[in-house]
Protein backbone atom coordinates (compact mmCIF):
# COMPACT_ATOMS: atom_id res chain seq x y z
CA MET A 1 19.36 7.04 21.22
CA SER A 2 21.15 4.59 18.84
CA ALA A 3 22.27 5.88 15.52
CA PRO A 4 20.79 4.05 12.56
CA ARG A 5 22.60 1.44 10.54
CA SER A 6 22.60 1.98 6.70
CA ARG A 7 22.51 -0.91 4.24
CA VAL A 8 22.07 -1.03 0.49
CA ILE A 9 20.29 -4.13 -0.63
CA PRO A 10 19.79 -5.23 -4.18
CA LEU A 11 16.56 -7.01 -4.55
CA GLY A 12 17.50 -8.83 -7.87
CA ALA A 13 17.71 -8.57 -11.64
CA GLY A 14 15.16 -6.17 -12.95
CA ARG A 15 14.24 -4.84 -9.55
CA PRO A 16 15.27 -1.81 -7.44
CA THR A 17 18.21 -1.50 -5.12
CA ILE A 18 17.37 -0.08 -1.83
CA GLU A 19 18.78 1.57 1.09
CA VAL A 20 17.55 0.55 4.43
CA LEU A 21 18.07 2.47 7.72
CA ASP A 22 17.50 0.41 10.95
CA ALA A 23 18.17 0.96 14.70
CA GLY A 24 16.84 -0.44 17.96
CA ASP A 25 15.98 -3.78 19.45
CA GLY A 26 12.77 -5.53 20.01
CA ALA A 27 9.89 -6.46 17.73
CA PRO A 28 10.26 -5.49 14.01
CA LEU A 29 8.57 -2.14 13.00
CA LEU A 30 8.54 -1.33 9.27
CA PHE A 31 8.35 2.40 8.71
CA LEU A 32 7.24 3.78 5.37
CA HIS A 33 8.08 7.44 4.80
CA GLY A 34 6.23 10.06 3.03
CA ALA A 35 7.11 12.33 0.11
CA GLY A 36 9.88 13.90 2.10
CA GLY A 37 11.81 10.77 2.55
CA VAL A 38 14.08 10.27 5.62
CA PRO A 39 16.59 13.08 5.26
CA MET A 40 17.76 12.70 8.89
CA TRP A 41 17.09 10.15 11.66
CA GLU A 42 14.89 12.43 13.63
CA GLY A 43 11.47 13.06 14.89
CA VAL A 44 9.58 9.91 15.65
CA LEU A 45 12.01 7.44 14.38
CA PRO A 46 14.60 7.46 17.23
CA LEU A 47 11.70 7.41 19.90
CA LEU A 48 10.23 4.25 18.18
CA ALA A 49 13.66 2.73 18.12
CA ARG A 50 13.71 2.78 21.95
CA GLU A 51 11.06 -0.07 22.03
CA TYR A 52 11.19 -1.62 18.41
CA HIS A 53 13.74 -2.71 15.91
CA VAL A 54 12.81 -0.09 13.38
CA PHE A 55 13.38 -0.67 9.64
CA ALA A 56 13.06 2.33 7.38
CA PRO A 57 13.46 1.48 3.69
CA LEU A 58 13.80 4.32 1.35
CA LEU A 59 11.95 4.29 -1.87
CA PRO A 60 13.77 4.35 -5.20
CA GLY A 61 14.78 7.91 -5.83
CA PHE A 62 15.43 8.56 -2.20
CA GLY A 63 18.75 8.41 -0.52
CA GLN A 64 20.75 5.61 -2.02
CA SER A 65 17.78 3.74 -3.32
CA ALA A 66 17.78 3.35 -7.11
CA GLY A 67 15.63 1.62 -9.76
CA LEU A 68 12.60 3.70 -10.05
CA GLU A 69 12.35 2.65 -13.69
CA HIS A 70 11.39 -0.89 -12.59
CA ILE A 71 8.30 0.37 -10.93
CA GLU A 72 5.62 1.11 -13.56
CA ASP A 73 2.55 1.87 -11.30
CA GLN A 74 0.84 1.93 -7.89
CA LEU A 75 0.63 -1.84 -7.82
CA ASP A 76 4.23 -2.36 -8.68
CA LEU A 77 5.01 -0.08 -5.76
CA VAL A 78 3.12 -2.01 -3.18
CA LEU A 79 4.55 -5.32 -4.48
CA HIS A 80 8.08 -3.60 -4.16
CA CYS A 81 7.41 -2.98 -0.65
CA PHE A 82 6.47 -6.70 -0.03
CA ASP A 83 9.79 -7.53 -1.75
CA VAL A 84 11.53 -5.32 0.62
CA THR A 85 9.81 -6.89 3.59
CA GLU A 86 10.84 -10.43 2.15
CA ALA A 87 14.45 -9.15 1.70
CA LEU A 88 14.56 -8.09 5.41
CA ASP A 89 13.00 -11.47 6.49
CA LEU A 90 10.21 -9.53 8.39
CA GLN A 91 7.27 -11.79 9.47
CA ARG A 92 4.00 -9.98 10.06
CA PRO A 93 5.67 -6.77 11.05
CA TYR A 94 4.15 -3.67 12.61
CA VAL A 95 3.94 -1.37 9.75
CA VAL A 96 3.75 2.42 10.44
CA GLY A 97 3.31 4.77 7.37
CA GLU A 98 3.21 8.44 7.16
CA SER A 99 1.33 10.41 4.37
CA MET A 100 2.28 8.58 1.13
CA GLY A 101 3.80 5.75 3.18
CA GLY A 102 0.50 5.58 4.99
CA TRP A 103 -1.22 5.09 1.70
CA ILE A 104 1.24 2.30 0.77
CA ALA A 105 0.95 0.54 4.09
CA ALA A 106 -2.97 0.50 3.79
CA GLU A 107 -2.63 -0.93 0.29
CA MET A 108 -0.28 -3.60 1.54
CA ALA A 109 -2.54 -4.42 4.42
CA ALA A 110 -5.51 -4.62 2.05
CA LEU A 111 -3.68 -6.77 -0.71
CA ARG A 112 -2.15 -9.26 1.72
CA PRO A 113 -4.15 -9.05 4.97
CA ARG A 114 -2.57 -11.91 6.82
CA GLU A 115 1.00 -10.70 6.20
CA ILE A 116 0.72 -7.43 8.27
CA GLY A 117 0.72 -7.89 12.03
CA ARG A 118 -0.29 -4.30 13.13
CA LEU A 119 -0.85 -1.09 11.21
CA ALA A 120 -0.64 2.48 12.05
CA LEU A 121 -1.49 5.20 9.36
CA ALA A 122 -0.23 8.65 10.14
CA ALA A 123 -2.18 11.15 8.09
CA PRO A 124 -2.25 8.94 5.13
CA VAL A 125 -3.13 10.08 1.51
CA GLY A 126 -5.15 7.82 -0.78
CA LEU A 127 -8.76 8.92 -0.32
CA TRP A 128 -10.66 11.82 -1.86
CA ARG A 129 -13.63 14.12 -1.12
CA ASP A 130 -14.48 17.00 -3.37
CA GLU A 131 -15.36 19.26 -0.41
CA ALA A 132 -11.97 18.61 1.17
CA PRO A 133 -9.36 18.13 -1.51
CA VAL A 134 -5.81 17.12 -0.64
CA ALA A 135 -3.52 20.00 -1.13
CA ASP A 136 -1.69 20.26 -4.43
CA MET A 137 1.89 19.85 -3.34
CA PHE A 138 3.07 19.81 -7.06
CA GLY A 139 1.51 23.18 -7.61
CA MET A 140 3.35 25.00 -4.84
CA MET A 141 6.65 26.48 -4.44
CA PRO A 142 8.68 24.94 -1.66
CA HIS A 143 8.29 27.73 0.77
CA GLU A 144 4.47 27.68 0.29
CA LEU A 145 4.30 24.08 1.46
CA VAL A 146 5.57 24.73 4.96
CA PRO A 147 2.27 26.06 6.50
CA TYR A 148 0.30 23.20 4.90
CA LEU A 149 2.78 20.74 6.50
CA LEU A 150 3.32 22.21 10.01
CA HIS A 151 1.04 23.80 12.36
CA ASP A 152 3.39 25.86 14.48
CA GLN A 153 5.28 28.14 11.97
CA SER A 154 7.52 29.40 14.88
CA GLY A 155 8.50 25.92 16.01
CA PRO A 156 11.76 24.15 15.46
CA ALA A 157 10.51 21.87 12.81
CA ALA A 158 9.01 24.69 10.76
CA GLN A 159 12.13 26.75 11.15
CA ALA A 160 14.29 23.93 9.98
CA MET A 161 12.05 23.23 6.93
CA GLN A 162 11.90 26.87 6.02
CA ALA A 163 15.70 27.05 6.08
CA VAL A 164 15.67 24.15 3.56
CA THR A 165 13.20 25.82 1.36
CA ASN A 166 15.49 28.97 1.38
CA LEU A 167 18.19 26.99 -0.48
CA PHE A 168 15.80 27.05 -3.43
CA SER A 169 16.93 30.45 -4.65
CA ASP A 170 18.77 32.21 -7.40
CA LYS A 171 21.72 33.01 -5.15
CA ASP A 172 24.87 31.06 -6.12
CA ASP A 173 26.19 30.86 -2.56
CA ARG A 174 25.22 27.19 -1.82
CA THR A 175 27.88 24.68 -0.68
CA GLN A 176 28.48 21.48 -2.46
CA GLU A 177 26.91 19.60 0.22
CA GLN A 178 23.79 21.78 0.10
CA VAL A 179 23.72 21.32 -3.75
CA GLU A 180 23.77 17.56 -3.20
CA PHE A 181 21.14 17.78 -0.73
CA LEU A 182 18.91 19.75 -2.95
CA ILE A 183 19.47 17.11 -5.78
CA SER A 184 18.41 14.43 -3.44
CA LEU A 185 15.09 16.19 -2.69
CA VAL A 186 14.44 16.70 -6.28
CA ARG A 187 14.99 12.96 -6.99
CA GLY A 188 12.65 12.11 -4.19
CA PHE A 189 10.06 14.56 -5.37
CA ARG A 190 10.15 12.94 -8.82
CA THR A 191 9.24 9.51 -7.17
CA ALA A 192 6.36 11.07 -5.20
CA ALA A 193 5.02 12.79 -8.36
CA LYS A 194 5.03 9.45 -10.18
CA PHE A 195 2.51 7.87 -7.92
CA LEU A 196 0.61 10.78 -6.41
CA PHE A 197 0.12 13.08 -9.29
CA PRO A 198 -2.45 14.64 -10.23
CA ILE A 199 -4.79 12.97 -7.50
CA PRO A 200 -3.74 10.40 -4.83
CA GLU A 201 -6.65 8.33 -5.31
CA ASN A 202 -6.89 5.07 -7.03
CA GLY A 203 -9.63 2.95 -5.57
CA LEU A 204 -8.12 2.36 -2.05
CA GLU A 205 -11.47 3.18 -0.31
CA LYS A 206 -13.13 0.12 -1.71
CA ARG A 207 -10.09 -2.13 -0.51
CA LEU A 208 -9.93 -0.80 3.03
CA PRO A 209 -12.50 -3.23 4.34
CA ARG A 210 -10.04 -6.07 3.34
CA ILE A 211 -7.71 -5.12 6.15
CA LYS A 212 -7.52 -7.53 8.92
CA ALA A 213 -4.60 -6.16 10.95
CA PRO A 214 -5.44 -4.12 14.10
CA THR A 215 -5.22 -0.56 12.84
CA LEU A 216 -4.53 2.94 14.44
CA VAL A 217 -5.15 6.12 12.46
CA VAL A 218 -3.23 8.99 13.79
CA TRP A 219 -3.84 12.62 12.62
CA GLY A 220 -2.82 16.08 13.52
CA THR A 221 -5.74 18.30 14.63
CA HIS A 222 -4.48 21.27 12.42
CA ASP A 223 -3.54 19.39 9.30
CA ARG A 224 -3.91 21.62 6.40
CA PHE A 225 -2.62 19.33 3.87
CA VAL A 226 -4.96 16.39 4.22
CA ASP A 227 -8.03 17.40 6.20
CA PRO A 228 -8.60 15.66 9.51
CA LEU A 229 -12.00 14.55 8.29
CA TYR A 230 -10.22 11.82 6.46
CA ALA A 231 -9.30 10.26 9.80
CA ARG A 232 -12.96 9.45 10.27
CA LEU A 233 -13.21 7.85 6.74
CA PHE A 234 -10.28 5.64 7.22
CA ALA A 235 -11.65 4.52 10.63
CA GLU A 236 -15.09 3.98 9.11
CA LYS A 237 -13.84 1.82 6.21
CA ILE A 238 -11.15 -0.21 8.23
CA PRO A 239 -12.87 -2.74 10.47
CA GLY A 240 -12.26 -2.06 14.11
CA ALA A 241 -9.86 0.90 13.40
CA ARG A 242 -9.19 3.32 16.17
CA VAL A 243 -8.38 7.15 15.70
CA HIS A 244 -5.90 8.98 17.84
CA MET A 245 -5.73 12.77 17.23
CA ILE A 246 -2.55 14.72 18.12
CA GLU A 247 -3.32 18.13 19.34
CA ASN A 248 -1.42 21.19 17.88
CA ALA A 249 -0.01 19.22 15.16
CA GLY A 250 -0.15 19.76 11.17
CA HIS A 251 0.48 17.03 8.60
CA LEU A 252 4.07 16.01 9.58
CA VAL A 253 2.99 14.77 13.06
CA GLY A 254 6.37 12.80 13.27
CA LEU A 255 8.46 15.96 13.07
CA GLU A 256 6.26 18.40 14.87
CA ARG A 257 4.73 16.25 17.72
CA PRO A 258 7.10 13.27 17.87
CA ASP A 259 6.54 12.34 21.61
CA PRO A 260 2.82 11.88 21.90
CA TYR A 261 2.77 10.22 18.28
CA ALA A 262 5.36 7.74 19.42
CA GLU A 263 3.57 7.00 22.57
CA ALA A 264 0.38 6.38 20.75
CA VAL A 265 2.13 4.12 18.22
CA ALA A 266 4.05 2.08 20.82
CA ARG A 267 1.09 1.66 23.20
CA PHE A 268 -1.20 0.38 20.36
CA GLY A 269 1.62 -1.92 19.45
CA ARG A 270 1.62 -3.35 22.89
CA GLY A 271 -2.13 -3.98 22.64
CA GLY A 272 -3.18 -0.89 24.49
């Protein structure tokens, strides 16, 4: 699997500076990450890079991306992602978004329907039903989030995430590298909170019918963070959308079940 290249691209005066990770050959695929960012090139990303040229821009506050102060609201954030697409010279890319990134991807496809080639939404936030509220990530301790994000608590993804949460302790035995990693997580969490707190719903539902791109909705069958019933709601609102459920997966499908997820996304990208 090819290692990703990292570039830092200034978008211009009064706009953010972004870090972009990219790898692979083939048709362009724009990957929009969730609230956890892209701490490592792992999970579904290297699998998608086998078939696509994957571009994974980091939102301001994540990695080396900066300039969050230039993004005032959710509309600014969506327009920022179009600025990124333009800076990368991507023409009608296949856009794949996870969780928060799925919400952004859906907004992009609704706002400028003809600029998105294909669309895959992996457990996106953005809709709300009182009978199935999205879990309040901002009201939980880091270790409490793990069971909401991953189904198999004994699996490698959950174990790795639990090890990260253990760094949030009162012990003064963390290495400098671990401290810097925690600081990066907190910076990214601040970005997520700016746009998702208190409720990640801002009228997306009424805009979904504007989407023209062929759309695949992917969801884990055991998602406790965003109930799988939302898969049906997204599919009902987006014309012609398909739903693909991933068995034995929680919210972070790309980490917990990357193989069937990558296969579904790649097959849909080929028109299957």
